[in-house]
Amino acid sequence: MSTNEPRVRQRTDRDLDPCVEVLAAVHRHSGYPVNWPAGPADWLTPSSQLAAWVAEVDGRVVGHLGLSRAADGDAAPGLWGARAGLGVERTAVVGRLFVSPAARGHGLGAALMARAVEEARARGLHPVLDVVASDRAAAALYERLGWELLDVVEQRWAPDQVVSVRCYAAPPGPVSPPSHSTGG
């Protein structure tokens, strides 16, 4: 007997191919990511990554989210750090969030976000994120979840490409001491 009950779990290497397939469907449907990466599996596994999860429905990967250390080009960590009086090393960047167009509307994005926030806080880090300003659906999700808009900034992604980016920080919440748990 199969179930359509969604679940969020730690991403494994076996999930990368299905994640790339879902990412391609999202790119065709919604234009995310704005610039298709030369190596989509590598894009999903940046060296700064702390953890990643997938959302599954009926055993199929239908969504993804990663949590990383701040990297060059991330605006939100610096904005939050300046406001909080702390360094960017105290942040965790939520990114690479996508849900299959066919699986949207069931709370999977919110479930993935909750898992990432929980992990960041367990590591003693404050979750932040950048999102292109044109992605109104993503911005609406973050705002529904209580994330604070820090600023809208212009970023040069290529010599001929300037993009407006909305920078968000998670709402204040409990921060746990760093955990050594491997749970997912």
N, C-alpha and C. Protein backbone atom coordinates (compact mmCIF):
# COMPACT_ATOMS: atom_id res chain seq x y z
N MET A 1 0.85 -1.18 0.00
CA MET A 1 0.00 0.00 0.00
C MET A 1 0.89 1.24 0.00
N SER A 2 0.70 2.14 -0.96
CA SER A 2 1.51 3.35 -1.02
C SER A 2 0.79 4.48 -0.30
N THR A 3 1.58 5.45 0.07
CA THR A 3 1.03 6.62 0.76
C THR A 3 1.54 7.88 0.09
N ASN A 4 0.70 8.87 0.06
CA ASN A 4 1.12 10.16 -0.49
C ASN A 4 1.58 11.10 0.61
N GLU A 5 1.72 10.58 1.83
CA GLU A 5 2.17 11.41 2.95
C GLU A 5 3.58 11.91 2.67
N PRO A 6 3.74 13.24 2.58
CA PRO A 6 5.07 13.77 2.30
C PRO A 6 6.00 13.60 3.49
N ARG A 7 7.28 13.52 3.20
CA ARG A 7 8.26 13.51 4.27
C ARG A 7 9.51 14.24 3.82
N VAL A 8 10.22 14.80 4.80
CA VAL A 8 11.48 15.47 4.56
C VAL A 8 12.55 14.62 5.21
N ARG A 9 13.61 14.36 4.46
CA ARG A 9 14.72 13.56 4.99
C ARG A 9 16.04 14.10 4.46
N GLN A 10 17.12 13.68 5.12
CA GLN A 10 18.46 14.07 4.71
C GLN A 10 18.68 13.61 3.27
N ARG A 11 19.30 14.46 2.46
CA ARG A 11 19.61 14.08 1.08
C ARG A 11 20.80 13.14 1.08
N THR A 12 20.77 12.17 0.19
CA THR A 12 21.89 11.26 0.00
C THR A 12 22.43 11.45 -1.42
N ASP A 13 23.58 10.87 -1.69
CA ASP A 13 24.15 10.96 -3.04
C ASP A 13 23.21 10.35 -4.09
N ARG A 14 22.45 9.33 -3.70
CA ARG A 14 21.51 8.71 -4.64
C ARG A 14 20.39 9.65 -5.07
N ASP A 15 20.19 10.71 -4.28
CA ASP A 15 19.12 11.66 -4.58
C ASP A 15 19.51 12.71 -5.62
N LEU A 16 20.80 12.82 -5.94
CA LEU A 16 21.22 13.92 -6.80
C LEU A 16 20.60 13.86 -8.20
N ASP A 17 20.57 12.70 -8.82
CA ASP A 17 19.97 12.61 -10.16
C ASP A 17 18.48 12.99 -10.13
N PRO A 18 17.69 12.43 -9.20
CA PRO A 18 16.28 12.86 -9.13
C PRO A 18 16.15 14.36 -8.82
N CYS A 19 17.03 14.89 -7.99
CA CYS A 19 16.99 16.33 -7.69
C CYS A 19 17.24 17.15 -8.94
N VAL A 20 18.20 16.74 -9.76
CA VAL A 20 18.50 17.47 -11.00
C VAL A 20 17.29 17.41 -11.94
N GLU A 21 16.61 16.26 -11.99
CA GLU A 21 15.41 16.15 -12.83
C GLU A 21 14.32 17.10 -12.37
N VAL A 22 14.10 17.17 -11.05
CA VAL A 22 13.09 18.08 -10.51
C VAL A 22 13.52 19.52 -10.76
N LEU A 23 14.79 19.82 -10.54
CA LEU A 23 15.30 21.17 -10.78
C LEU A 23 15.07 21.59 -12.24
N ALA A 24 15.30 20.69 -13.18
CA ALA A 24 15.07 21.01 -14.60
C ALA A 24 13.60 21.32 -14.85
N ALA A 25 12.70 20.57 -14.23
CA ALA A 25 11.26 20.84 -14.38
C ALA A 25 10.90 22.20 -13.78
N VAL A 26 11.49 22.52 -12.64
CA VAL A 26 11.25 23.82 -12.00
C VAL A 26 11.79 24.94 -12.89
N HIS A 27 12.97 24.75 -13.44
CA HIS A 27 13.58 25.76 -14.31
C HIS A 27 12.68 26.03 -15.53
N ARG A 28 12.18 24.96 -16.15
CA ARG A 28 11.30 25.12 -17.31
C ARG A 28 10.00 25.83 -16.91
N HIS A 29 9.46 25.48 -15.75
CA HIS A 29 8.16 26.01 -15.30
C HIS A 29 8.26 27.42 -14.73
N SER A 30 9.27 27.65 -13.88
CA SER A 30 9.31 28.88 -13.08
C SER A 30 10.56 29.74 -13.28
N GLY A 31 11.51 29.24 -14.06
CA GLY A 31 12.72 30.02 -14.29
C GLY A 31 13.71 30.01 -13.14
N TYR A 32 13.62 29.00 -12.26
CA TYR A 32 14.60 28.87 -11.17
C TYR A 32 15.44 27.64 -11.42
N PRO A 33 16.73 27.79 -11.32
CA PRO A 33 17.49 29.01 -11.09
C PRO A 33 17.49 29.90 -12.33
N VAL A 34 17.71 31.20 -12.09
CA VAL A 34 17.69 32.17 -13.19
C VAL A 34 18.68 31.74 -14.28
N ASN A 35 19.88 31.39 -13.88
CA ASN A 35 20.91 30.92 -14.82
C ASN A 35 21.12 29.43 -14.58
N TRP A 36 20.82 28.63 -15.60
CA TRP A 36 20.98 27.18 -15.45
C TRP A 36 22.46 26.86 -15.24
N PRO A 37 22.79 26.12 -14.18
CA PRO A 37 24.20 25.83 -13.90
C PRO A 37 24.81 24.85 -14.90
N ALA A 38 26.10 25.02 -15.19
CA ALA A 38 26.81 24.12 -16.10
C ALA A 38 26.80 22.70 -15.55
N GLY A 39 26.94 22.56 -14.24
CA GLY A 39 26.90 21.26 -13.58
C GLY A 39 25.84 21.28 -12.49
N PRO A 40 24.59 20.94 -12.80
CA PRO A 40 23.52 21.06 -11.82
C PRO A 40 23.77 20.27 -10.53
N ALA A 41 24.32 19.07 -10.61
CA ALA A 41 24.59 18.28 -9.40
C ALA A 41 25.65 18.98 -8.54
N ASP A 42 26.66 19.57 -9.19
CA ASP A 42 27.67 20.32 -8.44
C ASP A 42 27.05 21.57 -7.80
N TRP A 43 26.14 22.22 -8.51
CA TRP A 43 25.45 23.41 -7.99
C TRP A 43 24.66 23.05 -6.73
N LEU A 44 24.13 21.84 -6.69
CA LEU A 44 23.37 21.38 -5.52
C LEU A 44 24.27 20.95 -4.36
N THR A 45 25.56 20.85 -4.60
CA THR A 45 26.48 20.39 -3.55
C THR A 45 27.68 21.34 -3.42
N PRO A 46 27.42 22.61 -3.10
CA PRO A 46 28.55 23.54 -2.97
C PRO A 46 29.47 23.12 -1.83
N SER A 47 30.74 23.50 -1.93
CA SER A 47 31.71 23.10 -0.90
C SER A 47 31.38 23.70 0.46
N SER A 48 30.60 24.78 0.48
CA SER A 48 30.23 25.42 1.74
C SER A 48 29.00 24.78 2.40
N GLN A 49 28.46 23.73 1.79
CA GLN A 49 27.22 23.12 2.28
C GLN A 49 27.41 22.44 3.64
N LEU A 50 26.47 22.71 4.53
CA LEU A 50 26.44 22.08 5.86
C LEU A 50 25.53 20.86 5.87
N ALA A 51 24.41 20.94 5.16
CA ALA A 51 23.43 19.85 5.12
C ALA A 51 22.48 20.10 3.96
N ALA A 52 21.77 19.07 3.55
CA ALA A 52 20.75 19.19 2.51
C ALA A 52 19.67 18.15 2.75
N TRP A 53 18.47 18.50 2.32
CA TRP A 53 17.31 17.61 2.51
C TRP A 53 16.53 17.52 1.23
N VAL A 54 15.74 16.47 1.13
CA VAL A 54 14.79 16.32 0.04
C VAL A 54 13.40 16.14 0.65
N ALA A 55 12.41 16.53 -0.13
CA ALA A 55 11.02 16.23 0.19
C ALA A 55 10.61 15.10 -0.73
N GLU A 56 9.91 14.13 -0.16
CA GLU A 56 9.44 12.98 -0.92
C GLU A 56 7.93 12.86 -0.79
N VAL A 57 7.32 12.42 -1.87
CA VAL A 57 5.92 12.04 -1.85
C VAL A 57 5.85 10.68 -2.53
N ASP A 58 5.28 9.72 -1.84
CA ASP A 58 5.14 8.36 -2.37
C ASP A 58 6.48 7.80 -2.84
N GLY A 59 7.55 8.11 -2.07
CA GLY A 59 8.87 7.58 -2.37
C GLY A 59 9.62 8.30 -3.47
N ARG A 60 9.02 9.34 -4.05
CA ARG A 60 9.68 10.09 -5.13
C ARG A 60 10.17 11.44 -4.60
N VAL A 61 11.38 11.81 -5.00
CA VAL A 61 11.92 13.12 -4.64
C VAL A 61 11.14 14.18 -5.42
N VAL A 62 10.59 15.16 -4.68
CA VAL A 62 9.82 16.23 -5.32
C VAL A 62 10.29 17.62 -4.88
N GLY A 63 11.29 17.67 -3.99
CA GLY A 63 11.77 18.96 -3.53
C GLY A 63 13.14 18.86 -2.91
N HIS A 64 13.77 20.01 -2.70
CA HIS A 64 15.15 20.05 -2.20
C HIS A 64 15.40 21.36 -1.48
N LEU A 65 16.30 21.32 -0.51
CA LEU A 65 16.78 22.52 0.15
C LEU A 65 18.15 22.23 0.75
N GLY A 66 19.04 23.23 0.66
CA GLY A 66 20.37 23.10 1.24
C GLY A 66 20.63 24.18 2.27
N LEU A 67 21.57 23.91 3.14
CA LEU A 67 22.00 24.85 4.17
C LEU A 67 23.51 24.95 4.06
N SER A 68 24.02 26.18 3.92
CA SER A 68 25.44 26.38 3.68
C SER A 68 26.00 27.50 4.54
N ARG A 69 27.32 27.53 4.61
CA ARG A 69 28.03 28.67 5.18
C ARG A 69 27.93 29.82 4.19
N ALA A 70 28.08 31.04 4.68
CA ALA A 70 28.07 32.21 3.79
C ALA A 70 29.19 32.10 2.77
N ALA A 71 28.88 32.48 1.55
CA ALA A 71 29.85 32.45 0.45
C ALA A 71 29.91 33.83 -0.20
N ASP A 72 30.95 34.07 -0.96
CA ASP A 72 31.04 35.33 -1.70
C ASP A 72 29.79 35.47 -2.55
N GLY A 73 29.22 36.65 -2.56
CA GLY A 73 28.03 36.89 -3.34
C GLY A 73 26.75 36.79 -2.55
N ASP A 74 26.78 36.18 -1.36
CA ASP A 74 25.59 36.12 -0.51
C ASP A 74 25.47 37.47 0.21
N ALA A 75 24.38 38.18 0.00
CA ALA A 75 24.21 39.49 0.62
C ALA A 75 23.60 39.41 2.02
N ALA A 76 22.66 38.50 2.22
CA ALA A 76 21.92 38.44 3.49
C ALA A 76 22.82 38.24 4.72
N PRO A 77 23.86 37.38 4.67
CA PRO A 77 24.68 37.20 5.87
C PRO A 77 25.30 38.51 6.37
N GLY A 78 25.82 39.31 5.45
CA GLY A 78 26.43 40.57 5.85
C GLY A 78 25.41 41.56 6.39
N LEU A 79 24.23 41.61 5.76
CA LEU A 79 23.18 42.52 6.22
C LEU A 79 22.72 42.13 7.63
N TRP A 80 22.47 40.83 7.83
CA TRP A 80 22.04 40.39 9.16
C TRP A 80 23.14 40.60 10.19
N GLY A 81 24.38 40.26 9.81
CA GLY A 81 25.51 40.42 10.73
C GLY A 81 25.68 41.86 11.17
N ALA A 82 25.56 42.80 10.23
CA ALA A 82 25.70 44.22 10.56
C ALA A 82 24.59 44.65 11.52
N ARG A 83 23.38 44.17 11.27
CA ARG A 83 22.24 44.52 12.12
C ARG A 83 22.37 43.91 13.51
N ALA A 84 22.85 42.66 13.57
CA ALA A 84 22.95 41.93 14.85
C ALA A 84 24.26 42.22 15.58
N GLY A 85 25.19 42.86 14.89
CA GLY A 85 26.49 43.11 15.50
C GLY A 85 27.34 41.86 15.61
N LEU A 86 27.12 40.93 14.69
CA LEU A 86 27.85 39.66 14.68
C LEU A 86 28.44 39.41 13.29
N GLY A 87 29.40 38.53 13.21
CA GLY A 87 30.02 38.20 11.93
C GLY A 87 29.19 37.24 11.10
N VAL A 88 29.49 37.19 9.80
CA VAL A 88 28.77 36.29 8.91
C VAL A 88 28.97 34.82 9.27
N GLU A 89 30.04 34.53 10.03
CA GLU A 89 30.26 33.14 10.44
C GLU A 89 29.17 32.65 11.40
N ARG A 90 28.34 33.54 11.89
CA ARG A 90 27.24 33.17 12.79
C ARG A 90 25.95 32.93 12.01
N THR A 91 26.04 32.92 10.67
CA THR A 91 24.86 32.68 9.84
C THR A 91 24.96 31.34 9.12
N ALA A 92 23.80 30.87 8.70
CA ALA A 92 23.69 29.71 7.81
C ALA A 92 22.77 30.15 6.68
N VAL A 93 23.18 29.92 5.45
CA VAL A 93 22.42 30.37 4.29
C VAL A 93 21.53 29.24 3.79
N VAL A 94 20.24 29.53 3.77
CA VAL A 94 19.24 28.61 3.24
C VAL A 94 19.19 28.85 1.73
N GLY A 95 19.29 27.78 0.95
CA GLY A 95 19.28 27.97 -0.50
C GLY A 95 18.99 26.69 -1.25
N ARG A 96 18.97 26.85 -2.56
CA ARG A 96 18.71 25.71 -3.46
C ARG A 96 17.36 25.08 -3.12
N LEU A 97 16.39 25.94 -2.75
CA LEU A 97 15.04 25.45 -2.43
C LEU A 97 14.22 25.39 -3.70
N PHE A 98 13.66 24.23 -3.94
CA PHE A 98 12.72 24.08 -5.06
C PHE A 98 11.81 22.89 -4.79
N VAL A 99 10.59 23.01 -5.31
CA VAL A 99 9.59 21.95 -5.21
C VAL A 99 9.00 21.76 -6.60
N SER A 100 8.84 20.53 -6.99
CA SER A 100 8.27 20.21 -8.30
C SER A 100 6.95 20.95 -8.50
N PRO A 101 6.73 21.50 -9.70
CA PRO A 101 5.46 22.19 -9.95
C PRO A 101 4.25 21.31 -9.65
N ALA A 102 4.37 20.01 -9.91
CA ALA A 102 3.25 19.09 -9.66
C ALA A 102 3.01 18.82 -8.18
N ALA A 103 3.98 19.15 -7.32
CA ALA A 103 3.85 18.85 -5.89
C ALA A 103 3.64 20.10 -5.04
N ARG A 104 3.45 21.23 -5.68
CA ARG A 104 3.29 22.48 -4.93
C ARG A 104 1.91 22.57 -4.28
N GLY A 105 1.84 23.39 -3.25
CA GLY A 105 0.56 23.62 -2.58
C GLY A 105 0.27 22.65 -1.45
N HIS A 106 1.26 21.84 -1.08
CA HIS A 106 1.07 20.86 -0.01
C HIS A 106 1.97 21.11 1.19
N GLY A 107 2.57 22.28 1.27
CA GLY A 107 3.39 22.62 2.43
C GLY A 107 4.80 22.06 2.41
N LEU A 108 5.26 21.56 1.27
CA LEU A 108 6.60 20.96 1.21
C LEU A 108 7.69 22.01 1.35
N GLY A 109 7.52 23.16 0.73
CA GLY A 109 8.50 24.23 0.87
C GLY A 109 8.63 24.67 2.32
N ALA A 110 7.49 24.83 3.00
CA ALA A 110 7.50 25.21 4.41
C ALA A 110 8.13 24.13 5.26
N ALA A 111 7.87 22.86 4.94
CA ALA A 111 8.47 21.76 5.72
C ALA A 111 9.98 21.72 5.54
N LEU A 112 10.45 21.93 4.32
CA LEU A 112 11.89 21.98 4.08
C LEU A 112 12.51 23.17 4.82
N MET A 113 11.85 24.32 4.76
CA MET A 113 12.36 25.51 5.46
C MET A 113 12.44 25.26 6.97
N ALA A 114 11.42 24.63 7.53
CA ALA A 114 11.42 24.36 8.98
C ALA A 114 12.59 23.46 9.35
N ARG A 115 12.87 22.47 8.53
CA ARG A 115 13.99 21.56 8.82
C ARG A 115 15.33 22.30 8.76
N ALA A 116 15.49 23.18 7.79
CA ALA A 116 16.73 23.94 7.67
C ALA A 116 16.91 24.91 8.84
N VAL A 117 15.84 25.57 9.24
CA VAL A 117 15.91 26.48 10.38
C VAL A 117 16.27 25.71 11.65
N GLU A 118 15.65 24.56 11.83
CA GLU A 118 15.95 23.72 13.00
C GLU A 118 17.43 23.34 13.02
N GLU A 119 17.96 22.94 11.89
CA GLU A 119 19.37 22.53 11.81
C GLU A 119 20.30 23.72 12.06
N ALA A 120 20.01 24.85 11.45
CA ALA A 120 20.84 26.04 11.65
C ALA A 120 20.89 26.40 13.13
N ARG A 121 19.74 26.43 13.76
CA ARG A 121 19.69 26.80 15.17
C ARG A 121 20.39 25.77 16.05
N ALA A 122 20.28 24.50 15.68
CA ALA A 122 20.98 23.45 16.44
C ALA A 122 22.49 23.64 16.35
N ARG A 123 22.94 24.27 15.28
CA ARG A 123 24.37 24.54 15.10
C ARG A 123 24.77 25.90 15.69
N GLY A 124 23.82 26.59 16.31
CA GLY A 124 24.10 27.89 16.89
C GLY A 124 24.22 29.00 15.85
N LEU A 125 23.59 28.81 14.68
CA LEU A 125 23.68 29.76 13.57
C LEU A 125 22.31 30.39 13.30
N HIS A 126 22.32 31.59 12.72
CA HIS A 126 21.06 32.25 12.37
C HIS A 126 20.80 32.08 10.87
N PRO A 127 19.63 31.54 10.50
CA PRO A 127 19.31 31.31 9.09
C PRO A 127 19.00 32.62 8.34
N VAL A 128 19.59 32.75 7.17
CA VAL A 128 19.35 33.88 6.28
C VAL A 128 19.24 33.34 4.85
N LEU A 129 18.75 34.18 3.94
CA LEU A 129 18.69 33.76 2.53
C LEU A 129 18.60 34.97 1.62
N ASP A 130 18.98 34.75 0.38
CA ASP A 130 18.82 35.72 -0.71
C ASP A 130 17.89 35.07 -1.73
N VAL A 131 16.99 35.88 -2.32
CA VAL A 131 16.12 35.37 -3.38
C VAL A 131 15.95 36.48 -4.42
N VAL A 132 15.92 36.11 -5.70
CA VAL A 132 15.74 37.13 -6.72
C VAL A 132 14.38 37.80 -6.49
N ALA A 133 14.39 39.12 -6.63
CA ALA A 133 13.19 39.90 -6.33
C ALA A 133 12.01 39.51 -7.21
N SER A 134 12.29 39.01 -8.41
CA SER A 134 11.21 38.63 -9.32
C SER A 134 10.50 37.34 -8.91
N ASP A 135 11.07 36.58 -7.97
CA ASP A 135 10.45 35.33 -7.53
C ASP A 135 9.45 35.63 -6.41
N ARG A 136 8.30 36.12 -6.81
CA ARG A 136 7.28 36.55 -5.86
C ARG A 136 6.72 35.40 -5.03
N ALA A 137 6.61 34.22 -5.61
CA ALA A 137 6.07 33.08 -4.87
C ALA A 137 7.00 32.70 -3.71
N ALA A 138 8.31 32.69 -3.97
CA ALA A 138 9.26 32.36 -2.91
C ALA A 138 9.23 33.44 -1.83
N ALA A 139 9.23 34.71 -2.23
CA ALA A 139 9.19 35.80 -1.25
C ALA A 139 7.92 35.70 -0.40
N ALA A 140 6.80 35.37 -1.03
CA ALA A 140 5.55 35.23 -0.28
C ALA A 140 5.65 34.10 0.75
N LEU A 141 6.29 32.99 0.38
CA LEU A 141 6.49 31.88 1.32
C LEU A 141 7.30 32.35 2.52
N TYR A 142 8.44 32.99 2.26
CA TYR A 142 9.30 33.42 3.35
C TYR A 142 8.58 34.39 4.28
N GLU A 143 7.83 35.29 3.70
CA GLU A 143 7.10 36.27 4.52
C GLU A 143 5.98 35.60 5.30
N ARG A 144 5.30 34.62 4.71
CA ARG A 144 4.27 33.85 5.43
C ARG A 144 4.87 33.13 6.63
N LEU A 145 6.13 32.69 6.47
CA LEU A 145 6.81 31.97 7.54
C LEU A 145 7.42 32.92 8.58
N GLY A 146 7.24 34.22 8.40
CA GLY A 146 7.70 35.19 9.38
C GLY A 146 9.11 35.69 9.18
N TRP A 147 9.72 35.39 8.02
CA TRP A 147 11.07 35.88 7.76
C TRP A 147 11.03 37.38 7.55
N GLU A 148 12.08 38.06 8.01
CA GLU A 148 12.17 39.52 7.93
C GLU A 148 12.95 39.94 6.70
N LEU A 149 12.36 40.84 5.91
CA LEU A 149 13.07 41.42 4.77
C LEU A 149 14.10 42.39 5.30
N LEU A 150 15.37 42.11 5.03
CA LEU A 150 16.46 42.97 5.49
C LEU A 150 16.69 44.13 4.53
N ASP A 151 16.66 43.83 3.22
CA ASP A 151 16.91 44.86 2.22
C ASP A 151 16.73 44.23 0.84
N VAL A 152 16.65 45.08 -0.16
CA VAL A 152 16.69 44.65 -1.56
C VAL A 152 17.95 45.28 -2.14
N VAL A 153 18.81 44.44 -2.69
CA VAL A 153 20.09 44.91 -3.21
C VAL A 153 20.23 44.52 -4.68
N GLU A 154 21.09 45.24 -5.36
CA GLU A 154 21.42 44.92 -6.75
C GLU A 154 22.72 44.13 -6.75
N GLN A 155 22.75 43.03 -7.48
CA GLN A 155 23.96 42.23 -7.60
C GLN A 155 24.31 42.05 -9.07
N ARG A 156 25.60 42.12 -9.37
CA ARG A 156 26.07 41.86 -10.73
C ARG A 156 26.46 40.39 -10.80
N TRP A 157 25.69 39.63 -11.56
CA TRP A 157 25.95 38.20 -11.70
C TRP A 157 26.81 37.89 -12.91
N ALA A 158 26.86 38.83 -13.84
CA ALA A 158 27.68 38.68 -15.06
C ALA A 158 27.91 40.08 -15.59
N PRO A 159 28.86 40.25 -16.51
CA PRO A 159 29.12 41.60 -17.03
C PRO A 159 27.87 42.31 -17.55
N ASP A 160 26.94 41.55 -18.09
CA ASP A 160 25.73 42.15 -18.65
C ASP A 160 24.46 41.76 -17.88
N GLN A 161 24.61 41.33 -16.62
CA GLN A 161 23.44 40.89 -15.85
C GLN A 161 23.49 41.45 -14.42
N VAL A 162 22.55 42.36 -14.13
CA VAL A 162 22.38 42.89 -12.78
C VAL A 162 21.00 42.42 -12.31
N VAL A 163 20.96 41.85 -11.11
CA VAL A 163 19.74 41.25 -10.58
C VAL A 163 19.40 41.88 -9.24
N SER A 164 18.11 42.19 -9.04
CA SER A 164 17.64 42.65 -7.73
C SER A 164 17.39 41.43 -6.87
N VAL A 165 17.93 41.48 -5.65
CA VAL A 165 17.85 40.35 -4.73
C VAL A 165 17.24 40.81 -3.42
N ARG A 166 16.24 40.07 -2.94
CA ARG A 166 15.63 40.33 -1.64
C ARG A 166 16.40 39.49 -0.61
N CYS A 167 16.80 40.13 0.47
CA CYS A 167 17.58 39.46 1.52
C CYS A 167 16.72 39.32 2.76
N TYR A 168 16.64 38.10 3.29
CA TYR A 168 15.78 37.79 4.43
C TYR A 168 16.57 37.15 5.56
N ALA A 169 16.04 37.32 6.78
CA ALA A 169 16.56 36.62 7.96
C ALA A 169 15.38 35.94 8.64
N ALA A 170 15.64 34.75 9.18
CA ALA A 170 14.61 34.03 9.91
C ALA A 170 14.18 34.83 11.12
N PRO A 171 12.96 34.62 11.56
CA PRO A 171 12.53 35.30 12.79
C PRO A 171 13.36 34.82 13.97
N PRO A 172 13.48 35.64 15.00
CA PRO A 172 14.24 35.21 16.17
C PRO A 172 13.64 33.92 16.72
N GLY A 173 14.50 33.08 17.24
CA GLY A 173 14.03 31.83 17.81
C GLY A 173 15.11 31.24 18.67
N PRO A 174 14.81 30.15 19.29
CA PRO A 174 15.80 29.53 20.16
C PRO A 174 17.00 29.01 19.37
N VAL A 175 18.16 29.27 19.89
CA VAL A 175 19.39 28.76 19.29
C VAL A 175 19.98 27.77 20.27
N SER A 176 20.21 26.58 19.79
CA SER A 176 20.78 25.53 20.63
C SER A 176 22.29 25.56 20.53
N PRO A 177 22.95 25.02 21.52
CA PRO A 177 24.40 24.86 21.35
C PRO A 177 24.66 23.91 20.19
N PRO A 178 25.81 24.02 19.54
CA PRO A 178 26.09 23.13 18.41
C PRO A 178 25.86 21.68 18.76
N SER A 179 25.22 20.97 17.84
CA SER A 179 24.89 19.56 18.04
C SER A 179 25.81 18.69 17.19
N HIS A 180 26.08 17.52 17.67
CA HIS A 180 26.89 16.57 16.90
C HIS A 180 26.02 15.44 16.38
N SER A 181 24.72 15.66 16.40
CA SER A 181 23.76 14.67 15.94
C SER A 181 23.87 14.50 14.44
N THR A 182 23.60 13.32 13.96
CA THR A 182 23.58 13.05 12.53
C THR A 182 22.16 12.82 12.05
N GLY A 183 21.19 13.12 12.88
CA GLY A 183 19.80 12.89 12.51
C GLY A 183 19.39 13.69 11.31
N GLY A 184 18.39 13.27 10.61
CA GLY A 184 17.97 13.98 9.43
C GLY A 184 16.52 13.99 9.35
